[in-house]
Amino acid sequence: MYRRLFMTLAMTALAFPAQADNGAGNKPLAIQINAAQIQELLSGNTIVGTWAGSNYSQYYFENGRTIYAPEGGRPDEGKWRVRADTNQYDSWWRSTDWTPYTIVMTNDGFAWVNGENLEPFKVLKGKQGDW
C-alpha cells in the first residue's frame, strides 16, 4: 500500500521540482496529494505530528470515525471524510462542524496546510494507541 502511494507521489514530485529560495537554501517541496491518496494514507492508520506547536496523535477508523489525542490532554472523537471534488480531507468536531484541509507531501513526509504554515505528521501503520 505505502509503496504504491510513495511511487505515485515520487513521480509527481519529479514533475514539480522544489523552488529555490533567495540564497538561504531550498524551500521545502510541498505537493498536494489527491483524494484517493488521502484515503489510502489515513484509513485504518494512526498519525503523529504537531499542530501549532503541540504534539498529538490521531487514529482514522475505516468507517469515518476518528479519535484525536493531544499530548497530555483528553482524547476527542470526531468524523472524517475525503472529498474527491476538492482533493481535500474534511474533519468534523462538535466545536467546528466540517472543515476542509489540504494534505501535501514534503521532503520529510506529509503535512497539513494550516494557513501559510505546514503542520508535519508521520503515518504509523494500523491502530497505535488505546483508542
C-alpha atoms as a PDB file:
ATOM      1  CA  MET A   1       0.000   0.000   0.000  1.00  0.00           C
ATOM      2  CA  TYR A   2       2.624   2.562   1.049  1.00  0.00           C
ATOM      3  CA  ARG A   3       4.955   1.568  -1.778  1.00  0.00           C
ATOM      4  CA  ARG A   4       2.283   2.277  -4.404  1.00  0.00           C
ATOM      5  CA  LEU A   5       1.423   5.606  -2.751  1.00  0.00           C
ATOM      6  CA  PHE A   6       5.100   6.563  -2.452  1.00  0.00           C
ATOM      7  CA  MET A   7       5.804   5.720  -6.100  1.00  0.00           C
ATOM      8  CA  THR A   8       2.824   7.779  -7.277  1.00  0.00           C
ATOM      9  CA  LEU A   9       3.895  10.723  -5.158  1.00  0.00           C
ATOM     10  CA  ALA A  10       7.550  10.392  -6.168  1.00  0.00           C
ATOM     11  CA  MET A  11       6.618  10.557  -9.848  1.00  0.00           C
ATOM     12  CA  THR A  12       4.537  13.658  -9.123  1.00  0.00           C
ATOM     13  CA  ALA A  13       7.488  15.227  -7.301  1.00  0.00           C
ATOM     14  CA  LEU A  14       9.700  14.754 -10.352  1.00  0.00           C
ATOM     15  CA  ALA A  15       7.251  16.812 -12.366  1.00  0.00           C
ATOM     16  CA  PHE A  16       7.306  19.684  -9.836  1.00  0.00           C
ATOM     17  CA  PRO A  17      10.847  20.339  -8.525  1.00  0.00           C
ATOM     18  CA  ALA A  18      11.352  22.432  -5.396  1.00  0.00           C
ATOM     19  CA  GLN A  19      11.688  26.154  -5.934  1.00  0.00           C
ATOM     20  CA  ALA A  20      14.932  27.831  -4.919  1.00  0.00           C
ATOM     21  CA  ASP A  21      14.863  30.221  -2.004  1.00  0.00           C
ATOM     22  CA  ASN A  22      16.592  33.623  -2.046  1.00  0.00           C
ATOM     23  CA  GLY A  23      20.036  32.167  -1.324  1.00  0.00           C
ATOM     24  CA  ALA A  24      19.167  30.767   2.117  1.00  0.00           C
ATOM     25  CA  GLY A  25      18.641  27.221   0.792  1.00  0.00           C
ATOM     26  CA  ASN A  26      15.723  25.435  -0.803  1.00  0.00           C
ATOM     27  CA  LYS A  27      12.085  25.926   0.034  1.00  0.00           C
ATOM     28  CA  PRO A  28      10.519  22.653   1.156  1.00  0.00           C
ATOM     29  CA  LEU A  29       8.870  20.635  -1.557  1.00  0.00           C
ATOM     30  CA  ALA A  30       5.102  20.593  -0.974  1.00  0.00           C
ATOM     31  CA  ILE A  31       2.886  18.733  -3.430  1.00  0.00           C
ATOM     32  CA  GLN A  32      -0.827  18.309  -2.773  1.00  0.00           C
ATOM     33  CA  ILE A  33      -1.967  14.692  -2.708  1.00  0.00           C
ATOM     34  CA  ASN A  34      -5.302  13.678  -4.211  1.00  0.00           C
ATOM     35  CA  ALA A  35      -8.438  12.208  -2.637  1.00  0.00           C
ATOM     36  CA  ALA A  36      -7.574   8.571  -3.381  1.00  0.00           C
ATOM     37  CA  GLN A  37      -4.100   9.038  -1.905  1.00  0.00           C
ATOM     38  CA  ILE A  38      -5.543  10.677   1.236  1.00  0.00           C
ATOM     39  CA  GLN A  39      -7.984   7.784   1.692  1.00  0.00           C
ATOM     40  CA  GLU A  40      -5.193   5.222   1.347  1.00  0.00           C
ATOM     41  CA  LEU A  41      -2.841   7.175   3.617  1.00  0.00           C
ATOM     42  CA  LEU A  42      -5.217   7.701   6.551  1.00  0.00           C
ATOM     43  CA  SER A  43      -7.801   4.899   6.542  1.00  0.00           C
ATOM     44  CA  GLY A  44      -7.064   2.420   9.347  1.00  0.00           C
ATOM     45  CA  ASN A  45      -3.864   4.212  10.346  1.00  0.00           C
ATOM     46  CA  THR A  46      -2.537   6.456  13.089  1.00  0.00           C
ATOM     47  CA  ILE A  47      -0.736   9.724  12.536  1.00  0.00           C
ATOM     48  CA  VAL A  48       1.520  11.586  14.955  1.00  0.00           C
ATOM     49  CA  GLY A  49       2.555  15.171  14.485  1.00  0.00           C
ATOM     50  CA  THR A  50       2.412  18.745  15.643  1.00  0.00           C
ATOM     51  CA  TRP A  51      -0.312  21.340  15.217  1.00  0.00           C
ATOM     52  CA  ALA A  52       0.541  24.933  16.119  1.00  0.00           C
ATOM     53  CA  GLY A  53       3.489  23.612  18.142  1.00  0.00           C
ATOM     54  CA  SER A  54       1.515  20.996  20.122  1.00  0.00           C
ATOM     55  CA  ASN A  55       2.073  17.249  19.731  1.00  0.00           C
ATOM     56  CA  TYR A  56      -0.848  14.933  19.025  1.00  0.00           C
ATOM     57  CA  SER A  57      -1.789  11.518  17.713  1.00  0.00           C
ATOM     58  CA  GLN A  58      -4.899  10.628  15.743  1.00  0.00           C
ATOM     59  CA  TYR A  59      -6.430   7.367  14.578  1.00  0.00           C
ATOM     60  CA  TYR A  60      -8.620   7.130  11.459  1.00  0.00           C
ATOM     61  CA  PHE A  61     -11.192   4.336  11.615  1.00  0.00           C
ATOM     62  CA  GLU A  62     -12.180   2.979   8.211  1.00  0.00           C
ATOM     63  CA  ASN A  63     -15.856   3.798   8.946  1.00  0.00           C
ATOM     64  CA  GLY A  64     -15.268   7.571   9.092  1.00  0.00           C
ATOM     65  CA  ARG A  65     -14.755   7.963  12.850  1.00  0.00           C
ATOM     66  CA  THR A  66     -11.560   9.458  14.215  1.00  0.00           C
ATOM     67  CA  ILE A  67     -10.020   9.996  17.632  1.00  0.00           C
ATOM     68  CA  TYR A  68      -7.672  12.913  18.258  1.00  0.00           C
ATOM     69  CA  ALA A  69      -5.433  12.775  21.318  1.00  0.00           C
ATOM     70  CA  PRO A  70      -3.431  15.895  22.192  1.00  0.00           C
ATOM     71  CA  GLU A  71      -0.299  15.217  24.228  1.00  0.00           C
ATOM     72  CA  GLY A  72      -1.241  15.488  27.890  1.00  0.00           C
ATOM     73  CA  GLY A  73      -4.904  16.190  27.044  1.00  0.00           C
ATOM     74  CA  ARG A  74      -8.198  14.374  26.740  1.00  0.00           C
ATOM     75  CA  PRO A  75      -8.948  12.452  23.526  1.00  0.00           C
ATOM     76  CA  ASP A  76     -11.841  13.731  21.422  1.00  0.00           C
ATOM     77  CA  GLU A  77     -13.936  11.778  18.929  1.00  0.00           C
ATOM     78  CA  GLY A  78     -14.868  13.233  15.558  1.00  0.00           C
ATOM     79  CA  LYS A  79     -15.559  12.244  11.963  1.00  0.00           C
ATOM     80  CA  TRP A  80     -13.523  12.335   8.789  1.00  0.00           C
ATOM     81  CA  ARG A  81     -14.103  12.033   5.067  1.00  0.00           C
ATOM     82  CA  VAL A  82     -12.308  12.677   1.806  1.00  0.00           C
ATOM     83  CA  ARG A  83     -13.761  14.914  -0.904  1.00  0.00           C
ATOM     84  CA  ALA A  84     -12.927  13.821  -4.440  1.00  0.00           C
ATOM     85  CA  ASP A  85     -14.228  17.106  -5.889  1.00  0.00           C
ATOM     86  CA  THR A  86     -11.633  19.181  -3.993  1.00  0.00           C
ATOM     87  CA  ASN A  87      -8.922  16.568  -3.224  1.00  0.00           C
ATOM     88  CA  GLN A  88      -9.174  17.565   0.417  1.00  0.00           C
ATOM     89  CA  TYR A  89      -9.656  15.920   3.767  1.00  0.00           C
ATOM     90  CA  ASP A  90     -12.642  17.077   5.862  1.00  0.00           C
ATOM     91  CA  SER A  91     -12.831  16.737   9.627  1.00  0.00           C
ATOM     92  CA  TRP A  92     -15.862  17.201  11.851  1.00  0.00           C
ATOM     93  CA  TRP A  93     -15.745  18.103  15.543  1.00  0.00           C
ATOM     94  CA  ARG A  94     -18.557  19.222  17.820  1.00  0.00           C
ATOM     95  CA  SER A  95     -16.900  22.617  18.128  1.00  0.00           C
ATOM     96  CA  THR A  96     -16.215  23.265  14.433  1.00  0.00           C
ATOM     97  CA  ASP A  97     -18.544  21.277  12.155  1.00  0.00           C
ATOM     98  CA  TRP A  98     -16.971  20.125   8.828  1.00  0.00           C
ATOM     99  CA  THR A  99     -13.657  21.809   7.995  1.00  0.00           C
ATOM    100  CA  PRO A 100     -11.573  21.099   4.856  1.00  0.00           C
ATOM    101  CA  TYR A 101      -7.792  20.653   4.905  1.00  0.00           C
ATOM    102  CA  THR A 102      -5.204  20.101   2.206  1.00  0.00           C
ATOM    103  CA  ILE A 103      -2.530  17.447   2.712  1.00  0.00           C
ATOM    104  CA  VAL A 104       0.827  17.742   0.995  1.00  0.00           C
ATOM    105  CA  MET A 105       3.824  15.500   0.539  1.00  0.00           C
ATOM    106  CA  THR A 106       7.012  17.262   1.632  1.00  0.00           C
ATOM    107  CA  ASN A 107      10.728  16.488   1.613  1.00  0.00           C
ATOM    108  CA  ASP A 108      10.253  14.960   5.095  1.00  0.00           C
ATOM    109  CA  GLY A 109       6.922  13.134   4.731  1.00  0.00           C
ATOM    110  CA  PHE A 110       3.454  14.635   4.931  1.00  0.00           C
ATOM    111  CA  ALA A 111       1.936  17.839   6.292  1.00  0.00           C
ATOM    112  CA  TRP A 112      -1.387  19.579   6.740  1.00  0.00           C
ATOM    113  CA  VAL A 113      -1.688  23.031   5.217  1.00  0.00           C
ATOM    114  CA  ASN A 114      -2.702  25.384   8.044  1.00  0.00           C
ATOM    115  CA  GLY A 115      -2.987  28.846   6.511  1.00  0.00           C
ATOM    116  CA  GLU A 116       0.547  29.658   5.395  1.00  0.00           C
ATOM    117  CA  ASN A 117       2.115  27.031   7.658  1.00  0.00           C
ATOM    118  CA  LEU A 118       2.788  23.360   7.134  1.00  0.00           C
ATOM    119  CA  GLU A 119       1.990  21.099  10.104  1.00  0.00           C
ATOM    120  CA  PRO A 120       4.110  17.933   9.669  1.00  0.00           C
ATOM    121  CA  PHE A 121       2.950  14.444  10.559  1.00  0.00           C
ATOM    122  CA  LYS A 122       4.118  10.846  10.275  1.00  0.00           C
ATOM    123  CA  VAL A 123       1.907   7.887   9.414  1.00  0.00           C
ATOM    124  CA  LEU A 124       2.046   4.791  11.621  1.00  0.00           C
ATOM    125  CA  LYS A 125       0.560   1.625  10.160  1.00  0.00           C
ATOM    126  CA  GLY A 126      -2.577   0.459  11.910  1.00  0.00           C
ATOM    127  CA  LYS A 127      -4.014   1.360  15.285  1.00  0.00           C
ATOM    128  CA  GLN A 128      -1.278   2.705  17.557  1.00  0.00           C
ATOM    129  CA  GLY A 129      -2.709   3.600  20.954  1.00  0.00           C
ATOM    130  CA  ASP A 130      -5.517   2.836  23.360  1.00  0.00           C
ATOM    131  CA  TRP A 131      -8.410   4.201  21.378  1.00  0.00           C
END
